[in-house]
Structure formats: structure tokens, C-alpha cells
C-alpha atoms as a PDB file:
ATOM      1  CA  MET A   1     -41.553-127.852  56.326  1.00  0.00           C
ATOM      2  CA  GLY A   2     -37.903-128.828  56.689  1.00  0.00           C
ATOM      3  CA  ALA A   3     -34.999-126.419  56.593  1.00  0.00           C
ATOM      4  CA  ALA A   4     -33.815-125.343  53.152  1.00  0.00           C
ATOM      5  CA  ILE A   5     -30.747-126.962  51.651  1.00  0.00           C
ATOM      6  CA  LYS A   6     -28.033-124.500  50.637  1.00  0.00           C
ATOM      7  CA  ASN A   7     -24.583-126.025  51.125  1.00  0.00           C
ATOM      8  CA  VAL A   8     -23.990-129.113  48.984  1.00  0.00           C
ATOM      9  CA  ILE A   9     -20.913-131.317  48.729  1.00  0.00           C
ATOM     10  CA  ILE A  10     -20.239-133.904  46.018  1.00  0.00           C
ATOM     11  CA  LEU A  11     -18.322-137.115  46.594  1.00  0.00           C
ATOM     12  CA  GLY A  12     -16.611-138.298  43.403  1.00  0.00           C
ATOM     13  CA  ALA A  13     -17.212-135.077  41.495  1.00  0.00           C
ATOM     14  CA  SER A  14     -14.379-135.620  39.010  1.00  0.00           C
ATOM     15  CA  GLY A  15     -16.461-138.273  37.233  1.00  0.00           C
ATOM     16  CA  SER A  16     -19.057-137.825  34.518  1.00  0.00           C
ATOM     17  CA  VAL A  17     -22.104-137.255  36.735  1.00  0.00           C
ATOM     18  CA  GLY A  18     -20.233-134.626  38.718  1.00  0.00           C
ATOM     19  CA  SER A  19     -19.566-132.708  35.504  1.00  0.00           C
ATOM     20  CA  VAL A  20     -23.295-132.134  34.963  1.00  0.00           C
ATOM     21  CA  ALA A  21     -24.314-131.858  38.613  1.00  0.00           C
ATOM     22  CA  ILE A  22     -21.947-128.976  39.405  1.00  0.00           C
ATOM     23  CA  PRO A  23     -23.292-126.454  36.833  1.00  0.00           C
ATOM     24  CA  ALA A  24     -26.888-127.471  37.565  1.00  0.00           C
ATOM     25  CA  LEU A  25     -26.395-126.828  41.278  1.00  0.00           C
ATOM     26  CA  LYS A  26     -24.682-123.501  40.589  1.00  0.00           C
ATOM     27  CA  GLU A  27     -27.555-122.424  38.349  1.00  0.00           C
ATOM     28  CA  LEU A  28     -29.950-122.885  41.281  1.00  0.00           C
ATOM     29  CA  ASP A  29     -27.656-120.920  43.628  1.00  0.00           C
ATOM     30  CA  PHE A  30     -26.375-123.755  45.787  1.00  0.00           C
ATOM     31  CA  ASN A  31     -22.980-123.384  47.434  1.00  0.00           C
ATOM     32  CA  VAL A  32     -20.997-126.242  45.889  1.00  0.00           C
ATOM     33  CA  SER A  33     -18.063-128.143  47.386  1.00  0.00           C
ATOM     34  CA  VAL A  34     -16.372-131.346  46.267  1.00  0.00           C
ATOM     35  CA  VAL A  35     -14.269-134.067  47.864  1.00  0.00           C
ATOM     36  CA  VAL A  36     -11.304-135.536  45.976  1.00  0.00           C
ATOM     37  CA  ARG A  37      -8.425-137.804  46.917  1.00  0.00           C
ATOM     38  CA  PRO A  38      -5.172-136.209  48.167  1.00  0.00           C
ATOM     39  CA  LEU A  39      -3.289-136.846  44.905  1.00  0.00           C
ATOM     40  CA  SER A  40      -6.149-135.857  42.606  1.00  0.00           C
ATOM     41  CA  LYS A  41      -5.245-133.447  39.812  1.00  0.00           C
ATOM     42  CA  SER A  42      -8.859-132.782  38.819  1.00  0.00           C
ATOM     43  CA  SER A  43      -9.767-129.149  38.237  1.00  0.00           C
ATOM     44  CA  PHE A  44     -13.078-127.467  38.994  1.00  0.00           C
ATOM     45  CA  PRO A  45     -14.690-124.068  38.368  1.00  0.00           C
ATOM     46  CA  ASP A  46     -13.583-121.227  40.627  1.00  0.00           C
ATOM     47  CA  PHE A  47     -16.896-121.193  42.501  1.00  0.00           C
ATOM     48  CA  VAL A  48     -16.337-124.769  43.755  1.00  0.00           C
ATOM     49  CA  THR A  49     -14.641-125.348  47.125  1.00  0.00           C
ATOM     50  CA  VAL A  50     -12.304-128.344  46.903  1.00  0.00           C
ATOM     51  CA  HIS A  51     -11.558-130.609  49.876  1.00  0.00           C
ATOM     52  CA  LYS A  52      -9.032-133.446  49.863  1.00  0.00           C
ATOM     53  CA  SER A  53      -9.683-136.615  51.830  1.00  0.00           C
ATOM     54  CA  ASP A  54      -8.567-140.217  52.235  1.00  0.00           C
ATOM     55  CA  TYR A  55     -12.280-141.055  52.531  1.00  0.00           C
ATOM     56  CA  THR A  56     -12.095-142.272  56.112  1.00  0.00           C
ATOM     57  CA  THR A  57     -15.098-141.490  58.293  1.00  0.00           C
ATOM     58  CA  GLU A  58     -13.017-139.159  60.463  1.00  0.00           C
ATOM     59  CA  SER A  59     -11.749-137.120  57.528  1.00  0.00           C
ATOM     60  CA  LEU A  60     -15.170-136.895  55.895  1.00  0.00           C
ATOM     61  CA  THR A  61     -16.880-135.901  59.154  1.00  0.00           C
ATOM     62  CA  SER A  62     -14.667-132.837  59.405  1.00  0.00           C
ATOM     63  CA  ILE A  63     -15.273-131.935  55.763  1.00  0.00           C
ATOM     64  CA  PHE A  64     -19.052-132.485  55.934  1.00  0.00           C
ATOM     65  CA  THR A  65     -19.503-130.216  58.953  1.00  0.00           C
ATOM     66  CA  GLY A  66     -21.657-127.272  57.861  1.00  0.00           C
ATOM     67  CA  GLN A  67     -22.953-129.061  54.764  1.00  0.00           C
ATOM     68  CA  ASP A  68     -26.682-129.557  54.224  1.00  0.00           C
ATOM     69  CA  ALA A  69     -26.508-132.328  51.624  1.00  0.00           C
ATOM     70  CA  VAL A  70     -24.045-134.919  50.378  1.00  0.00           C
ATOM     71  CA  ILE A  71     -24.304-136.167  46.801  1.00  0.00           C
ATOM     72  CA  SER A  72     -22.427-139.391  46.138  1.00  0.00           C
ATOM     73  CA  VAL A  73     -21.471-139.963  42.511  1.00  0.00           C
ATOM     74  CA  ILE A  74     -18.592-142.360  43.138  1.00  0.00           C
ATOM     75  CA  ALA A  75     -18.539-145.807  41.538  1.00  0.00           C
ATOM     76  CA  ALA A  76     -21.175-148.241  42.747  1.00  0.00           C
ATOM     77  CA  SER A  77     -18.395-150.675  43.637  1.00  0.00           C
ATOM     78  CA  ASP A  78     -17.059-148.277  46.300  1.00  0.00           C
ATOM     79  CA  VAL A  79     -19.427-149.578  48.971  1.00  0.00           C
ATOM     80  CA  THR A  80     -17.085-148.986  51.915  1.00  0.00           C
ATOM     81  CA  ILE A  81     -16.465-145.364  50.932  1.00  0.00           C
ATOM     82  CA  GLN A  82     -20.184-144.673  50.657  1.00  0.00           C
ATOM     83  CA  LYS A  83     -20.797-146.249  54.063  1.00  0.00           C
ATOM     84  CA  ASN A  84     -18.005-144.107  55.524  1.00  0.00           C
ATOM     85  CA  ALA A  85     -19.639-141.067  53.951  1.00  0.00           C
ATOM     86  CA  ILE A  86     -23.027-141.987  55.407  1.00  0.00           C
ATOM     87  CA  ASP A  87     -21.536-142.363  58.889  1.00  0.00           C
ATOM     88  CA  ALA A  88     -19.745-139.047  58.457  1.00  0.00           C
ATOM     89  CA  ALA A  89     -22.937-137.354  57.294  1.00  0.00           C
ATOM     90  CA  VAL A  90     -24.732-138.519  60.436  1.00  0.00           C
ATOM     91  CA  ALA A  91     -21.879-137.378  62.682  1.00  0.00           C
ATOM     92  CA  ALA A  92     -21.668-133.979  60.955  1.00  0.00           C
ATOM     93  CA  GLY A  93     -25.411-133.315  61.103  1.00  0.00           C
ATOM     94  CA  VAL A  94     -25.984-133.393  57.337  1.00  0.00           C
ATOM     95  CA  LYS A  95     -29.671-133.213  56.384  1.00  0.00           C
ATOM     96  CA  ARG A  96     -29.806-135.158  53.099  1.00  0.00           C
ATOM     97  CA  PHE A  97     -27.775-137.891  51.389  1.00  0.00           C
ATOM     98  CA  LEU A  98     -28.077-138.976  47.747  1.00  0.00           C
ATOM     99  CA  PRO A  99     -26.421-142.371  47.144  1.00  0.00           C
ATOM    100  CA  SER A 100     -24.773-143.386  43.871  1.00  0.00           C
ATOM    101  CA  GLU A 101     -27.798-144.550  41.879  1.00  0.00           C
ATOM    102  CA  TYR A 102     -28.598-142.538  38.692  1.00  0.00           C
ATOM    103  CA  GLY A 103     -29.455-145.523  36.511  1.00  0.00           C
ATOM    104  CA  GLY A 104     -31.859-148.447  36.643  1.00  0.00           C
ATOM    105  CA  ASP A 105     -34.007-149.409  39.614  1.00  0.00           C
ATOM    106  CA  THR A 106     -31.618-151.439  41.731  1.00  0.00           C
ATOM    107  CA  SER A 107     -34.265-151.852  44.439  1.00  0.00           C
ATOM    108  CA  LEU A 108     -36.122-154.463  42.343  1.00  0.00           C
ATOM    109  CA  PRO A 109     -36.290-157.877  44.058  1.00  0.00           C
ATOM    110  CA  GLU A 110     -33.428-160.178  43.051  1.00  0.00           C
ATOM    111  CA  ILE A 111     -32.266-157.825  40.271  1.00  0.00           C
ATOM    112  CA  GLU A 112     -28.685-158.419  41.434  1.00  0.00           C
ATOM    113  CA  LYS A 113     -28.919-161.924  39.927  1.00  0.00           C
ATOM    114  CA  PHE A 114     -28.862-160.261  36.511  1.00  0.00           C
ATOM    115  CA  THR A 115     -27.008-157.047  37.327  1.00  0.00           C
ATOM    116  CA  PRO A 116     -24.230-157.783  39.842  1.00  0.00           C
ATOM    117  CA  PHE A 117     -23.462-154.082  40.344  1.00  0.00           C
ATOM    118  CA  ALA A 118     -26.909-153.758  41.943  1.00  0.00           C
ATOM    119  CA  LYS A 119     -25.717-155.771  44.946  1.00  0.00           C
ATOM    120  CA  GLY A 120     -23.446-153.001  46.196  1.00  0.00           C
ATOM    121  CA  LYS A 121     -26.071-150.348  45.537  1.00  0.00           C
ATOM    122  CA  LYS A 122     -28.635-152.331  47.528  1.00  0.00           C
ATOM    123  CA  GLU A 123     -26.200-152.717  50.399  1.00  0.00           C
ATOM    124  CA  VAL A 124     -25.551-148.970  50.505  1.00  0.00           C
ATOM    125  CA  PHE A 125     -29.256-148.148  50.177  1.00  0.00           C
ATOM    126  CA  SER A 126     -30.175-150.458  53.054  1.00  0.00           C
ATOM    127  CA  TYR A 127     -27.433-148.972  55.222  1.00  0.00           C
ATOM    128  CA  LEU A 128     -28.554-145.453  54.373  1.00  0.00           C
ATOM    129  CA  LYS A 129     -32.172-146.159  55.300  1.00  0.00           C
ATOM    130  CA  SER A 130     -31.039-147.547  58.648  1.00  0.00           C
ATOM    131  CA  LYS A 131     -29.772-144.051  59.540  1.00  0.00           C
ATOM    132  CA  GLU A 132     -33.192-142.382  59.313  1.00  0.00           C
ATOM    133  CA  SER A 133     -33.600-142.766  63.083  1.00  0.00           C
ATOM    134  CA  GLU A 134     -30.379-140.775  63.542  1.00  0.00           C
ATOM    135  CA  GLY A 135     -31.722-137.784  61.620  1.00  0.00           C
ATOM    136  CA  LEU A 136     -30.283-138.374  58.152  1.00  0.00           C
ATOM    137  CA  THR A 137     -32.765-138.188  55.279  1.00  0.00           C
ATOM    138  CA  TRP A 138     -32.149-139.586  51.817  1.00  0.00           C
ATOM    139  CA  THR A 139     -33.268-139.512  48.198  1.00  0.00           C
ATOM    140  CA  ALA A 140     -32.495-142.283  45.700  1.00  0.00           C
ATOM    141  CA  LEU A 141     -32.629-140.907  42.151  1.00  0.00           C
ATOM    142  CA  TYR A 142     -33.219-143.218  39.181  1.00  0.00           C
ATOM    143  CA  THR A 143     -32.748-141.888  35.651  1.00  0.00           C
ATOM    144  CA  GLY A 144     -32.342-144.899  33.388  1.00  0.00           C
ATOM    145  CA  PRO A 145     -29.411-144.807  30.934  1.00  0.00           C
ATOM    146  CA  PHE A 146     -27.875-141.463  29.957  1.00  0.00           C
ATOM    147  CA  PHE A 147     -29.381-141.548  26.485  1.00  0.00           C
ATOM    148  CA  ASP A 148     -27.576-138.880  24.466  1.00  0.00           C
ATOM    149  CA  SER A 149     -24.209-139.542  26.083  1.00  0.00           C
ATOM    150  CA  LEU A 150     -24.276-143.282  25.398  1.00  0.00           C
ATOM    151  CA  LEU A 151     -25.528-142.823  21.843  1.00  0.00           C
ATOM    152  CA  GLU A 152     -22.804-140.264  21.166  1.00  0.00           C
ATOM    153  CA  ILE A 153     -20.024-142.370  22.686  1.00  0.00           C
ATOM    154  CA  GLY A 154     -21.143-145.363  20.648  1.00  0.00           C
ATOM    155  CA  THR A 155     -18.501-148.122  20.443  1.00  0.00           C
ATOM    156  CA  GLY A 156     -21.209-150.696  21.140  1.00  0.00           C
ATOM    157  CA  LEU A 157     -22.484-149.246  24.426  1.00  0.00           C
ATOM    158  CA  MET A 158     -26.175-150.141  24.774  1.00  0.00           C
ATOM    159  CA  GLY A 159     -25.890-151.649  21.306  1.00  0.00           C
ATOM    160  CA  TRP A 160     -25.130-148.366  19.521  1.00  0.00           C
ATOM    161  CA  GLU A 161     -22.394-148.027  16.901  1.00  0.00           C
ATOM    162  CA  ILE A 162     -24.023-145.296  14.854  1.00  0.00           C
ATOM    163  CA  GLU A 163     -20.645-143.916  13.778  1.00  0.00           C
ATOM    164  CA  GLU A 164     -20.147-147.237  11.947  1.00  0.00           C
ATOM    165  CA  TYR A 165     -23.760-147.217  10.707  1.00  0.00           C
ATOM    166  CA  LYS A 166     -24.586-150.323  12.688  1.00  0.00           C
ATOM    167  CA  ALA A 167     -26.343-151.351  15.877  1.00  0.00           C
ATOM    168  CA  THR A 168     -27.240-154.417  17.913  1.00  0.00           C
ATOM    169  CA  ILE A 169     -30.934-154.850  18.640  1.00  0.00           C
ATOM    170  CA  TYR A 170     -31.753-156.903  21.716  1.00  0.00           C
ATOM    171  CA  ASP A 171     -34.721-159.253  21.535  1.00  0.00           C
ATOM    172  CA  SER A 172     -37.544-157.636  19.520  1.00  0.00           C
ATOM    173  CA  GLY A 173     -36.252-154.082  19.976  1.00  0.00           C
ATOM    174  CA  ASP A 174     -39.678-153.074  21.277  1.00  0.00           C
ATOM    175  CA  GLN A 175     -38.820-153.163  24.992  1.00  0.00           C
ATOM    176  CA  ARG A 176     -39.519-149.624  26.201  1.00  0.00           C
ATOM    177  CA  TYR A 177     -37.347-148.032  28.836  1.00  0.00           C
ATOM    178  CA  ASP A 178     -36.974-144.699  30.582  1.00  0.00           C
ATOM    179  CA  ALA A 179     -33.887-142.745  29.526  1.00  0.00           C
ATOM    180  CA  THR A 180     -32.522-139.355  30.532  1.00  0.00           C
ATOM    181  CA  ASN A 181     -30.246-137.007  28.621  1.00  0.00           C
ATOM    182  CA  PHE A 182     -26.998-136.275  30.401  1.00  0.00           C
ATOM    183  CA  GLU A 183     -27.498-132.606  31.294  1.00  0.00           C
ATOM    184  CA  THR A 184     -30.989-133.419  32.538  1.00  0.00           C
ATOM    185  CA  VAL A 185     -29.475-135.854  35.046  1.00  0.00           C
ATOM    186  CA  GLY A 186     -27.643-132.910  36.615  1.00  0.00           C
ATOM    187  CA  LYS A 187     -30.799-130.810  36.617  1.00  0.00           C
ATOM    188  CA  ALA A 188     -32.713-133.620  38.305  1.00  0.00           C
ATOM    189  CA  ILE A 189     -30.110-133.872  41.069  1.00  0.00           C
ATOM    190  CA  ALA A 190     -30.362-130.142  41.710  1.00  0.00           C
ATOM    191  CA  SER A 191     -34.158-130.194  41.569  1.00  0.00           C
ATOM    192  CA  VAL A 192     -34.332-132.931  44.197  1.00  0.00           C
ATOM    193  CA  LEU A 193     -32.571-130.565  46.595  1.00  0.00           C
ATOM    194  CA  THR A 194     -34.874-127.631  45.810  1.00  0.00           C
ATOM    195  CA  HIS A 195     -37.806-129.866  46.797  1.00  0.00           C
ATOM    196  CA  PRO A 196     -36.452-131.289  50.076  1.00  0.00           C
ATOM    197  CA  ASP A 197     -39.793-132.055  51.694  1.00  0.00           C
ATOM    198  CA  ILE A 198     -41.470-134.024  48.919  1.00  0.00           C
ATOM    199  CA  THR A 199     -38.246-135.920  48.100  1.00  0.00           C
ATOM    200  CA  ARG A 200     -37.512-136.760  51.743  1.00  0.00           C
ATOM    201  CA  ASN A 201     -36.822-140.502  52.104  1.00  0.00           C
ATOM    202  CA  GLN A 202     -38.165-141.159  48.618  1.00  0.00           C
ATOM    203  CA  GLN A 203     -37.166-143.167  45.573  1.00  0.00           C
ATOM    204  CA  VAL A 204     -37.454-140.647  42.744  1.00  0.00           C
ATOM    205  CA  TYR A 205     -37.803-141.668  39.092  1.00  0.00           C
ATOM    206  CA  VAL A 206     -37.251-139.218  36.215  1.00  0.00           C
ATOM    207  CA  ASN A 207     -36.691-139.349  32.472  1.00  0.00           C
ATOM    208  CA  SER A 208     -36.252-137.268  29.350  1.00  0.00           C
ATOM    209  CA  PHE A 209     -38.505-139.641  27.432  1.00  0.00           C
ATOM    210  CA  LYS A 210     -39.568-143.259  27.170  1.00  0.00           C
ATOM    211  CA  VAL A 211     -38.169-145.032  24.127  1.00  0.00           C
ATOM    212  CA  CYS A 212     -37.354-148.378  22.539  1.00  0.00           C
ATOM    213  CA  GLN A 213     -34.473-149.371  20.281  1.00  0.00           C
ATOM    214  CA  ASN A 214     -36.634-149.656  17.172  1.00  0.00           C
ATOM    215  CA  GLU A 215     -37.804-146.051  17.589  1.00  0.00           C
ATOM    216  CA  VAL A 216     -34.214-144.880  17.834  1.00  0.00           C
ATOM    217  CA  ILE A 217     -33.176-146.794  14.718  1.00  0.00           C
ATOM    218  CA  GLU A 218     -36.148-145.447  12.760  1.00  0.00           C
ATOM    219  CA  GLY A 219     -35.280-141.891  13.744  1.00  0.00           C
ATOM    220  CA  VAL A 220     -31.568-142.261  13.015  1.00  0.00           C
ATOM    221  CA  GLU A 221     -32.166-143.815   9.596  1.00  0.00           C
ATOM    222  CA  ARG A 222     -34.616-141.079   8.654  1.00  0.00           C
ATOM    223  CA  LEU A 223     -32.251-138.294   9.704  1.00  0.00           C
ATOM    224  CA  LEU A 224     -29.236-139.892   8.041  1.00  0.00           C
ATOM    225  CA  GLY A 225     -31.082-140.976   4.932  1.00  0.00           C
ATOM    226  CA  LYS A 226     -29.185-144.223   5.256  1.00  0.00           C
ATOM    227  CA  LYS A 227     -29.906-147.695   6.588  1.00  0.00           C
ATOM    228  CA  ILE A 228     -28.288-148.970   9.768  1.00  0.00           C
ATOM    229  CA  ALA A 229     -26.915-152.524   9.635  1.00  0.00           C
ATOM    230  CA  ILE A 230     -28.696-154.478  12.364  1.00  0.00           C
ATOM    231  CA  SER A 231     -27.369-157.413  14.370  1.00  0.00           C
ATOM    232  CA  ARG A 232     -29.612-159.361  16.744  1.00  0.00           C
ATOM    233  CA  ALA A 233     -28.814-160.562  20.251  1.00  0.00           C
ATOM    234  CA  SER A 234     -30.511-161.769  23.421  1.00  0.00           C
ATOM    235  CA  SER A 235     -30.755-159.392  26.379  1.00  0.00           C
ATOM    236  CA  VAL A 236     -30.694-162.334  28.780  1.00  0.00           C
ATOM    237  CA  GLU A 237     -27.541-163.757  27.194  1.00  0.00           C
ATOM    238  CA  ILE A 238     -25.691-160.418  27.172  1.00  0.00           C
ATOM    239  CA  ALA A 239     -26.624-159.832  30.823  1.00  0.00           C
ATOM    240  CA  GLU A 240     -25.338-163.290  31.719  1.00  0.00           C
ATOM    241  CA  ARG A 241     -22.119-162.673  29.811  1.00  0.00           C
ATOM    242  CA  GLY A 242     -21.647-159.485  31.796  1.00  0.00           C
ATOM    243  CA  ARG A 243     -22.311-161.283  35.062  1.00  0.00           C
ATOM    244  CA  LEU A 244     -19.721-163.948  34.322  1.00  0.00           C
ATOM    245  CA  THR A 245     -17.152-161.391  33.177  1.00  0.00           C
ATOM    246  CA  MET A 246     -17.590-159.391  36.378  1.00  0.00           C
ATOM    247  CA  ALA A 247     -17.351-162.580  38.440  1.00  0.00           C
ATOM    248  CA  ASN A 248     -13.982-163.218  36.778  1.00  0.00           C
ATOM    249  CA  GLY A 249     -12.696-159.855  37.979  1.00  0.00           C
ATOM    250  CA  GLU A 250     -13.146-157.819  34.793  1.00  0.00           C
ATOM    251  CA  TRP A 251     -15.558-155.389  36.402  1.00  0.00           C
ATOM    252  CA  GLN A 252     -15.514-152.563  33.843  1.00  0.00           C
ATOM    253  CA  LYS A 253     -15.808-154.853  30.823  1.00  0.00           C
ATOM    254  CA  GLY A 254     -18.603-156.870  32.388  1.00  0.00           C
ATOM    255  CA  TYR A 255     -20.436-153.815  33.673  1.00  0.00           C
ATOM    256  CA  PHE A 256     -21.371-152.547  30.219  1.00  0.00           C
ATOM    257  CA  ASP A 257     -22.706-155.935  29.093  1.00  0.00           C
ATOM    258  CA  SER A 258     -24.640-156.271  32.337  1.00  0.00           C
ATOM    259  CA  ALA A 259     -26.111-152.766  32.097  1.00  0.00           C
ATOM    260  CA  THR A 260     -26.976-153.218  28.420  1.00  0.00           C
ATOM    261  CA  GLY A 261     -28.715-156.545  28.975  1.00  0.00           C
ATOM    262  CA  SER A 262     -30.653-155.344  32.000  1.00  0.00           C
ATOM    263  CA  THR A 263     -31.795-152.148  30.262  1.00  0.00           C
ATOM    264  CA  HIS A 264     -33.227-153.987  27.260  1.00  0.00           C
ATOM    265  CA  GLY A 265     -34.266-157.116  29.147  1.00  0.00           C
ATOM    266  CA  PRO A 266     -37.594-158.310  30.586  1.00  0.00           C
ATOM    267  CA  TRP A 267     -36.959-157.356  34.213  1.00  0.00           C
ATOM    268  CA  GLY A 268     -38.238-153.773  34.172  1.00  0.00           C
ATOM    269  CA  PHE A 269     -34.874-152.463  35.317  1.00  0.00           C
ATOM    270  CA  CYS A 270     -35.253-149.196  33.398  1.00  0.00           C
ATOM    271  CA  ASP A 271     -39.015-149.289  32.840  1.00  0.00           C
ATOM    272  CA  PHE A 272     -40.352-147.028  35.567  1.00  0.00           C
ATOM    273  CA  GLY A 273     -44.006-147.231  34.516  1.00  0.00           C
ATOM    274  CA  GLY A 274     -45.790-143.953  35.201  1.00  0.00           C
ATOM    275  CA  ARG A 275     -43.582-142.964  38.115  1.00  0.00           C
ATOM    276  CA  SER A 276     -41.257-140.846  35.980  1.00  0.00           C
ATOM    277  CA  THR A 277     -44.186-138.804  34.643  1.00  0.00           C
ATOM    278  CA  ARG A 278     -45.297-137.964  38.174  1.00  0.00           C
ATOM    279  CA  TRP A 279     -41.844-137.016  39.411  1.00  0.00           C
ATOM    280  CA  ASN A 280     -41.036-135.024  36.275  1.00  0.00           C
ATOM    281  CA  ASP A 281     -44.092-132.887  36.993  1.00  0.00           C
ATOM    282  CA  VAL A 282     -43.339-132.518  40.701  1.00  0.00           C
ATOM    283  CA  LEU A 283     -39.698-131.551  40.132  1.00  0.00           C
ATOM    284  CA  ASP A 284     -40.232-129.480  36.966  1.00  0.00           C
ATOM    285  CA  ILE A 285     -37.844-131.684  35.007  1.00  0.00           C
ATOM    286  CA  PRO A 286     -37.507-130.323  31.446  1.00  0.00           C
ATOM    287  CA  LYS A 287     -38.915-132.691  28.846  1.00  0.00           C
ATOM    288  CA  ASP A 288     -36.582-133.530  26.008  1.00  0.00           C
ATOM    289  CA  ASP A 289     -37.697-134.542  22.540  1.00  0.00           C
ATOM    290  CA  LEU A 290     -36.278-137.698  20.945  1.00  0.00           C
ATOM    291  CA  GLU A 291     -36.104-136.135  17.480  1.00  0.00           C
ATOM    292  CA  THR A 292     -34.254-133.060  18.729  1.00  0.00           C
ATOM    293  CA  THR A 293     -31.900-135.223  20.754  1.00  0.00           C
ATOM    294  CA  LEU A 294     -31.078-137.442  17.777  1.00  0.00           C
ATOM    295  CA  LYS A 295     -30.407-134.413  15.571  1.00  0.00           C
ATOM    296  CA  ARG A 296     -28.019-132.977  18.162  1.00  0.00           C
ATOM    297  CA  VAL A 297     -26.149-136.257  18.675  1.00  0.00           C
ATOM    298  CA  LEU A 298     -25.759-136.935  14.953  1.00  0.00           C
ATOM    299  CA  LYS A 299     -24.481-133.402  14.414  1.00  0.00           C
ATOM    300  CA  ASN A 300     -22.016-133.749  17.288  1.00  0.00           C
ATOM    301  CA  LYS A 301     -20.763-136.984  15.745  1.00  0.00           C
ATOM    302  CA  LYS A 302     -20.368-135.108  12.433  1.00  0.00           C
ATOM    303  CA  LEU A 303     -22.726-137.532  10.724  1.00  0.00           C
ATOM    304  CA  THR A 304     -25.028-134.673   9.688  1.00  0.00           C
ATOM    305  CA  SER A 305     -24.488-130.963   9.159  1.00  0.00           C
END
């Protein structure tokens, strides 16, 4: 059995995933540190140790010394920074590294043809695996889309505009995918580190539930007592639009189209088969209920009381 993981440091903790990972790690009694840029004005709870870095390998090596695990939650496009962090983790004797995944399965063959952001993730993943011989272990965590967060944000993300009582259904709307509620993503990250042996050098797949768009629409309409206006679109076409937009330099705009198309498309990007059921059981991931989740989101959006 490997040594226990106690000291954990998060790279990119000021982002959304960091906001759920930090309390989940604290709840399981990890010592939590974060790395931010020198001019960052982000604030963190008092129990978090904050380090400032220019993200060079030298700077990160000093900061990582004494840490058991590094969790990267920086943008997938920051390939060089993640590689620097991996080199620093090796030099500092870190035991475990979690790369910036937390979405669809970017390890699928040729998936980068449809989801350009997968290219950088694959490059980082390959580089990370090459460091196994130097003593660094890894876990790649896949969660599918952050279901409740994306539904609540709306504005067309993943096709949802519930606040306007409308939605875009891709293809038939019956394509099932694995999705994870936002807080559960943080719990899954923490749980990976409380099970260091079984998650050692493993691709781990979790979910809150498996769902399709038509099930979501049916549930929302029933809870609202009102019909949702449906538009139809092609997952392949929206993914291609995202790819072209990203190729033209509009990364953020293209990313959401690309992620939406790949989630609802025929490539299995967020359809983990039975793997999520197995890992949920192994890691004691709390199961969420679609109905309960929809009720909470609609209440938060002030669409129901």
C-alpha cells in the first residue's frame, strides 16, 4: 500500500473547479494549498495556504516541495504551464498529479478532430504518463458536463435556456451521457486522493446520473407546468462550428459549441458506459437524483417557489 496523501496543492484554484474542490478537500481533512499568479487578487478561506508563482518549473518546484499531490484545474489550453507543473512535481518528489480533465473522455481516438480542446489535454496526458518511470503517479478524472451548473447558467450552454422557457435539442435528444453535479465534482476529486492505491495511474469515470436531453425537458416541463419551446440542431454541425471558430482564434466562443456538440454527438465523448457505475461504488461518490436536481435548479433560477 502506498503512502497516504495529506498535503494537496491546487493549480488554478481561483476558477470554478477550484471553488468546489477546496471545501471537499477540507471536509476530508487534507491540508490545502493553492498556487496563483503574482498579481492575483483572488481570495481563499483562511485554512488555505496561498503561494504566488510565475508558473516556471523552478518556481513551482520550490512551492511543490513537501506536497503529496498536485491538482491542476487550469484551462486546458495552458499546456506549457501543466508541463512545467509536471516537471516540478517530479523534481519535488510529489506522489500524485491530477491533470486538467474533469469533462468528457479526451483519450478517445481522434476525438480532437471534433473537439479541438482535446488536443492539448492529450498532449499533457501523454507527457504525464511518461513520468511514471520517475516516480510520479497520476489520476485522470472524467465527470462529463457539470449538469446543474450548466443548466442554471443557461444562456444556451449545452442547449439550455430554461430561463427563457426554451431549449435546443441536438439530433433526436435521446443520446445519453454521463453528467455530474458541480459539488460532486469536488467530492470526486477529494475521493480520488483518499483512495490513492486503486486510483494510481488510472482513468477514473464518475457521474451523478446518466441522462438525455429529452428526459431533462420532460422533467422541467412537468415541474414548471409549462411547455418549453424546442429548436432542433445537429450535434455534428455545432461541433464543426465550434472547431472552425476556435481555429479562427475565438477560443472561448468556439469552446462552448465544441463541448456542446461533442457531449450530445455520436462519438461517446461523455458516454462512459458502465465505467462510472464501477468507480462511483469504489470511491463512494454520492448519487444525485435528476428530479431533485431539477427542483433545486429551477428554484435557484426563481422559476419555481
